[in-house]
Amino acid sequence: MKEKNKVRKERKEKNLVGTRGRTFEGNVIKKFPKRVVIQFERTVYMNKYERYYKSKTKIHARLPENMENKINVGDYIQVQECRPLSKIIHFVVIAKIKGKEEIKEIVK
């Protein structure tokens, strides 16, 4: 019980939203003052042709105040589902996995 109260106090101090459900990882393609847009690829099976095809998905996620300076366009980040915060925002940024520079080194 005491641990839950500590977590709630930390969330209030940091202005975090409770998370639940699915987590995704993707590249930041747009950045706004309090949100980011990430994009990632996934494979989808098509029954008619019995083949897989790649589909790109865009997700809008809330960007916490303590991470605004750390995350930029091109970074590889992790987001997790939360309650609906607005019409299009249903995810919150959890962590930065790789920076833009680290991704470029891997591609070369």
N, C-alpha and C. Protein backbone atom coordinates (compact mmCIF):
# COMPACT_ATOMS: atom_id res chain seq x y z
N MET A 1 0.83 -1.19 0.00
CA MET A 1 0.00 0.00 0.00
C MET A 1 0.87 1.26 0.00
N LYS A 2 1.94 1.23 0.80
CA LYS A 2 2.83 2.39 0.86
C LYS A 2 3.55 2.61 -0.47
N GLU A 3 3.87 1.49 -1.15
CA GLU A 3 4.56 1.60 -2.45
C GLU A 3 3.66 2.26 -3.48
N LYS A 4 2.37 1.93 -3.47
CA LYS A 4 1.44 2.53 -4.43
C LYS A 4 1.32 4.03 -4.19
N ASN A 5 1.29 4.43 -2.93
CA ASN A 5 1.20 5.86 -2.62
C ASN A 5 2.44 6.61 -3.10
N LYS A 6 3.62 5.99 -2.96
CA LYS A 6 4.86 6.60 -3.43
C LYS A 6 4.82 6.81 -4.94
N VAL A 7 4.35 5.77 -5.65
CA VAL A 7 4.27 5.86 -7.11
C VAL A 7 3.30 6.96 -7.52
N ARG A 8 2.17 7.07 -6.84
CA ARG A 8 1.19 8.11 -7.16
C ARG A 8 1.76 9.50 -6.93
N LYS A 9 2.50 9.66 -5.84
CA LYS A 9 3.10 10.96 -5.55
C LYS A 9 4.13 11.33 -6.61
N GLU A 10 4.95 10.34 -7.03
CA GLU A 10 5.95 10.58 -8.07
C GLU A 10 5.29 10.99 -9.38
N ARG A 11 4.18 10.33 -9.71
CA ARG A 11 3.47 10.68 -10.95
C ARG A 11 2.94 12.10 -10.88
N LYS A 12 2.40 12.50 -9.75
CA LYS A 12 1.88 13.85 -9.62
C LYS A 12 3.01 14.88 -9.76
N GLU A 13 4.15 14.58 -9.15
CA GLU A 13 5.28 15.50 -9.22
C GLU A 13 5.82 15.61 -10.65
N LYS A 14 5.91 14.49 -11.34
CA LYS A 14 6.47 14.47 -12.69
C LYS A 14 5.41 14.72 -13.76
N ASN A 15 4.13 14.77 -13.36
CA ASN A 15 3.03 14.98 -14.29
C ASN A 15 2.93 13.82 -15.29
N LEU A 16 3.06 12.59 -14.79
CA LEU A 16 2.98 11.41 -15.63
C LEU A 16 1.56 10.84 -15.65
N VAL A 17 1.26 10.10 -16.69
CA VAL A 17 -0.04 9.48 -16.83
C VAL A 17 0.13 7.98 -16.60
N GLY A 18 -0.85 7.35 -15.97
CA GLY A 18 -0.80 5.92 -15.75
C GLY A 18 -0.81 5.16 -17.06
N THR A 19 -0.01 4.11 -17.16
CA THR A 19 0.09 3.34 -18.40
C THR A 19 -0.50 1.96 -18.22
N ARG A 20 -0.83 1.36 -19.36
CA ARG A 20 -1.38 0.01 -19.38
C ARG A 20 -1.26 -0.50 -20.81
N GLY A 21 -1.44 -1.76 -21.02
CA GLY A 21 -1.58 -2.29 -22.37
C GLY A 21 -0.30 -2.42 -23.17
N ARG A 22 -0.41 -2.16 -24.47
CA ARG A 22 0.64 -2.47 -25.42
C ARG A 22 1.77 -1.44 -25.43
N THR A 23 2.96 -1.91 -25.83
CA THR A 23 4.10 -1.03 -26.01
C THR A 23 4.59 -1.16 -27.45
N PHE A 24 5.04 -0.04 -28.01
CA PHE A 24 5.57 -0.02 -29.36
C PHE A 24 6.87 0.74 -29.38
N GLU A 25 7.69 0.45 -30.39
CA GLU A 25 8.95 1.17 -30.59
C GLU A 25 8.96 1.67 -32.03
N GLY A 26 9.42 2.92 -32.20
CA GLY A 26 9.46 3.47 -33.54
C GLY A 26 10.29 4.72 -33.62
N ASN A 27 10.44 5.24 -34.84
CA ASN A 27 11.21 6.45 -35.08
C ASN A 27 10.32 7.68 -34.99
N VAL A 28 10.84 8.74 -34.39
CA VAL A 28 10.11 10.00 -34.30
C VAL A 28 10.17 10.67 -35.66
N ILE A 29 8.99 10.98 -36.24
CA ILE A 29 8.98 11.65 -37.53
C ILE A 29 8.53 13.11 -37.42
N LYS A 30 7.80 13.45 -36.35
CA LYS A 30 7.40 14.84 -36.10
C LYS A 30 7.44 15.10 -34.61
N LYS A 31 7.74 16.33 -34.25
CA LYS A 31 7.77 16.71 -32.84
C LYS A 31 7.01 18.01 -32.64
N PHE A 32 6.13 18.01 -31.67
CA PHE A 32 5.34 19.18 -31.29
C PHE A 32 5.65 19.52 -29.85
N PRO A 33 5.18 20.67 -29.34
CA PRO A 33 5.53 21.04 -27.95
C PRO A 33 5.22 19.98 -26.89
N LYS A 34 4.07 19.29 -26.98
CA LYS A 34 3.74 18.32 -25.94
C LYS A 34 3.45 16.92 -26.49
N ARG A 35 3.78 16.69 -27.77
CA ARG A 35 3.57 15.36 -28.32
C ARG A 35 4.54 15.09 -29.45
N VAL A 36 4.66 13.80 -29.78
CA VAL A 36 5.48 13.36 -30.90
C VAL A 36 4.67 12.39 -31.75
N VAL A 37 5.10 12.22 -32.99
CA VAL A 37 4.50 11.24 -33.88
C VAL A 37 5.59 10.23 -34.21
N ILE A 38 5.30 8.94 -33.94
CA ILE A 38 6.27 7.90 -34.28
C ILE A 38 5.71 7.04 -35.39
N GLN A 39 6.62 6.41 -36.13
CA GLN A 39 6.23 5.54 -37.22
C GLN A 39 7.03 4.25 -37.12
N PHE A 40 6.35 3.12 -37.35
CA PHE A 40 7.03 1.84 -37.35
C PHE A 40 6.39 0.92 -38.37
N GLU A 41 7.15 -0.08 -38.81
CA GLU A 41 6.67 -1.05 -39.79
C GLU A 41 6.26 -2.34 -39.08
N ARG A 42 5.24 -2.97 -39.64
CA ARG A 42 4.82 -4.28 -39.15
C ARG A 42 4.41 -5.13 -40.34
N THR A 43 4.47 -6.44 -40.20
CA THR A 43 4.09 -7.33 -41.29
C THR A 43 2.66 -7.79 -41.07
N VAL A 44 1.89 -7.80 -42.15
CA VAL A 44 0.48 -8.20 -42.11
C VAL A 44 0.28 -9.32 -43.12
N TYR A 45 -0.46 -10.35 -42.72
CA TYR A 45 -0.72 -11.49 -43.59
C TYR A 45 -1.96 -11.23 -44.43
N MET A 46 -1.86 -11.46 -45.76
CA MET A 46 -2.99 -11.30 -46.66
C MET A 46 -3.45 -12.69 -47.10
N ASN A 47 -4.68 -13.08 -46.70
CA ASN A 47 -5.17 -14.43 -46.96
C ASN A 47 -5.30 -14.73 -48.45
N LYS A 48 -5.77 -13.78 -49.22
CA LYS A 48 -6.04 -14.03 -50.63
C LYS A 48 -4.79 -14.50 -51.38
N TYR A 49 -3.66 -13.82 -51.12
CA TYR A 49 -2.42 -14.14 -51.82
C TYR A 49 -1.48 -15.02 -51.01
N GLU A 50 -1.83 -15.32 -49.78
CA GLU A 50 -1.03 -16.13 -48.88
C GLU A 50 0.40 -15.59 -48.76
N ARG A 51 0.49 -14.30 -48.61
CA ARG A 51 1.77 -13.61 -48.49
C ARG A 51 1.69 -12.58 -47.38
N TYR A 52 2.87 -12.11 -47.00
CA TYR A 52 2.96 -11.02 -46.03
C TYR A 52 3.32 -9.74 -46.75
N TYR A 53 2.83 -8.61 -46.24
CA TYR A 53 3.24 -7.31 -46.76
C TYR A 53 3.54 -6.39 -45.59
N LYS A 54 4.36 -5.37 -45.85
CA LYS A 54 4.74 -4.44 -44.81
C LYS A 54 3.75 -3.29 -44.75
N SER A 55 3.37 -2.92 -43.54
CA SER A 55 2.45 -1.82 -43.33
C SER A 55 3.08 -0.83 -42.36
N LYS A 56 2.99 0.45 -42.66
CA LYS A 56 3.53 1.48 -41.77
C LYS A 56 2.41 2.03 -40.91
N THR A 57 2.69 2.21 -39.63
CA THR A 57 1.72 2.71 -38.68
C THR A 57 2.25 3.97 -38.01
N LYS A 58 1.41 4.99 -37.91
CA LYS A 58 1.77 6.23 -37.21
C LYS A 58 1.00 6.29 -35.91
N ILE A 59 1.71 6.69 -34.84
CA ILE A 59 1.09 6.82 -33.52
C ILE A 59 1.46 8.18 -32.93
N HIS A 60 0.47 8.87 -32.38
CA HIS A 60 0.71 10.12 -31.67
C HIS A 60 0.86 9.80 -30.19
N ALA A 61 1.90 10.33 -29.56
CA ALA A 61 2.17 10.03 -28.15
C ALA A 61 2.47 11.32 -27.40
N ARG A 62 2.06 11.35 -26.13
CA ARG A 62 2.33 12.50 -25.28
C ARG A 62 3.79 12.51 -24.89
N LEU A 63 4.39 13.69 -24.90
CA LEU A 63 5.79 13.85 -24.55
C LEU A 63 5.88 14.52 -23.18
N PRO A 64 6.30 13.77 -22.13
CA PRO A 64 6.40 14.37 -20.80
C PRO A 64 7.40 15.53 -20.77
N GLU A 65 7.16 16.47 -19.86
CA GLU A 65 8.00 17.67 -19.77
C GLU A 65 9.46 17.35 -19.50
N ASN A 66 9.72 16.31 -18.70
CA ASN A 66 11.11 15.98 -18.37
C ASN A 66 11.87 15.34 -19.54
N MET A 67 11.17 14.96 -20.63
CA MET A 67 11.82 14.34 -21.78
C MET A 67 11.84 15.24 -23.02
N GLU A 68 11.26 16.42 -22.93
CA GLU A 68 11.15 17.29 -24.11
C GLU A 68 12.50 17.62 -24.73
N ASN A 69 13.51 17.88 -23.91
CA ASN A 69 14.82 18.25 -24.43
C ASN A 69 15.63 17.04 -24.89
N LYS A 70 15.30 15.85 -24.40
CA LYS A 70 16.06 14.65 -24.71
C LYS A 70 15.69 14.04 -26.06
N ILE A 71 14.43 14.20 -26.48
CA ILE A 71 13.94 13.52 -27.68
C ILE A 71 13.83 14.50 -28.84
N ASN A 72 14.38 14.08 -29.99
CA ASN A 72 14.35 14.89 -31.21
C ASN A 72 13.87 14.05 -32.38
N VAL A 73 13.63 14.69 -33.51
CA VAL A 73 13.20 13.99 -34.71
C VAL A 73 14.31 13.03 -35.16
N GLY A 74 13.94 11.80 -35.47
CA GLY A 74 14.90 10.79 -35.91
C GLY A 74 15.28 9.80 -34.83
N ASP A 75 14.97 10.09 -33.57
CA ASP A 75 15.31 9.19 -32.47
C ASP A 75 14.40 7.96 -32.49
N TYR A 76 14.90 6.86 -31.92
CA TYR A 76 14.16 5.61 -31.80
C TYR A 76 13.67 5.52 -30.35
N ILE A 77 12.34 5.57 -30.14
CA ILE A 77 11.79 5.64 -28.78
C ILE A 77 10.78 4.52 -28.54
N GLN A 78 10.41 4.38 -27.26
CA GLN A 78 9.42 3.39 -26.85
C GLN A 78 8.22 4.12 -26.27
N VAL A 79 7.01 3.71 -26.69
CA VAL A 79 5.77 4.31 -26.17
C VAL A 79 4.90 3.21 -25.59
N GLN A 80 4.03 3.59 -24.64
CA GLN A 80 3.12 2.62 -24.03
C GLN A 80 1.72 3.21 -23.99
N GLU A 81 0.75 2.33 -24.12
CA GLU A 81 -0.65 2.73 -24.15
C GLU A 81 -1.09 3.31 -22.80
N CYS A 82 -2.00 4.27 -22.84
CA CYS A 82 -2.57 4.86 -21.63
C CYS A 82 -4.03 5.20 -21.91
N ARG A 83 -4.68 5.86 -20.99
CA ARG A 83 -6.06 6.28 -21.22
C ARG A 83 -6.08 7.33 -22.33
N PRO A 84 -7.21 7.53 -23.00
CA PRO A 84 -7.26 8.55 -24.05
C PRO A 84 -7.04 9.94 -23.46
N LEU A 85 -6.02 10.63 -23.97
CA LEU A 85 -5.71 11.97 -23.49
C LEU A 85 -6.36 13.04 -24.36
N SER A 86 -6.61 12.70 -25.62
CA SER A 86 -7.32 13.59 -26.54
C SER A 86 -7.88 12.73 -27.66
N LYS A 87 -8.34 13.37 -28.72
CA LYS A 87 -8.93 12.64 -29.83
C LYS A 87 -7.94 11.67 -30.48
N ILE A 88 -6.67 12.07 -30.58
CA ILE A 88 -5.68 11.23 -31.27
C ILE A 88 -4.57 10.70 -30.38
N ILE A 89 -4.45 11.18 -29.17
CA ILE A 89 -3.34 10.77 -28.30
C ILE A 89 -3.81 9.72 -27.30
N HIS A 90 -3.26 8.49 -27.46
CA HIS A 90 -3.59 7.37 -26.57
C HIS A 90 -2.33 6.67 -26.05
N PHE A 91 -1.17 7.29 -26.27
CA PHE A 91 0.10 6.70 -25.87
C PHE A 91 0.96 7.74 -25.17
N VAL A 92 1.92 7.26 -24.37
CA VAL A 92 2.86 8.12 -23.65
C VAL A 92 4.28 7.62 -23.93
N VAL A 93 5.20 8.56 -24.11
CA VAL A 93 6.60 8.19 -24.33
C VAL A 93 7.18 7.67 -23.03
N ILE A 94 7.81 6.49 -23.09
CA ILE A 94 8.39 5.86 -21.90
C ILE A 94 9.89 6.09 -21.86
N ALA A 95 10.58 5.81 -22.98
CA ALA A 95 12.04 5.87 -22.97
C ALA A 95 12.59 6.14 -24.36
N LYS A 96 13.80 6.68 -24.36
CA LYS A 96 14.55 6.87 -25.60
C LYS A 96 15.52 5.70 -25.71
N ILE A 97 15.43 4.95 -26.80
CA ILE A 97 16.27 3.77 -26.97
C ILE A 97 17.58 4.13 -27.66
N LYS A 98 17.47 4.81 -28.82
CA LYS A 98 18.66 5.20 -29.57
C LYS A 98 18.48 6.61 -30.11
N GLY A 99 19.59 7.31 -30.20
CA GLY A 99 19.57 8.64 -30.78
C GLY A 99 19.69 8.56 -32.29
N LYS A 100 19.50 9.69 -32.94
CA LYS A 100 19.58 9.76 -34.40
C LYS A 100 20.96 9.36 -34.90
N GLU A 101 22.01 9.78 -34.18
CA GLU A 101 23.38 9.48 -34.60
C GLU A 101 23.68 7.99 -34.50
N GLU A 102 23.19 7.34 -33.45
CA GLU A 102 23.43 5.90 -33.26
C GLU A 102 22.78 5.08 -34.37
N ILE A 103 21.62 5.51 -34.83
CA ILE A 103 20.91 4.80 -35.89
C ILE A 103 21.67 4.91 -37.20
N LYS A 104 22.22 6.09 -37.49
CA LYS A 104 22.97 6.30 -38.72
C LYS A 104 24.22 5.42 -38.76
N GLU A 105 24.88 5.23 -37.62
CA GLU A 105 26.07 4.38 -37.54
C GLU A 105 25.73 2.93 -37.86
N ILE A 106 24.60 2.47 -37.39
CA ILE A 106 24.19 1.09 -37.62
C ILE A 106 23.88 0.87 -39.09
N VAL A 107 23.24 1.83 -39.75
CA VAL A 107 22.87 1.71 -41.15
C VAL A 107 24.10 1.66 -42.04
N LYS A 108 25.15 2.41 -41.72
CA LYS A 108 26.38 2.42 -42.52
C LYS A 108 27.08 1.12 -42.43
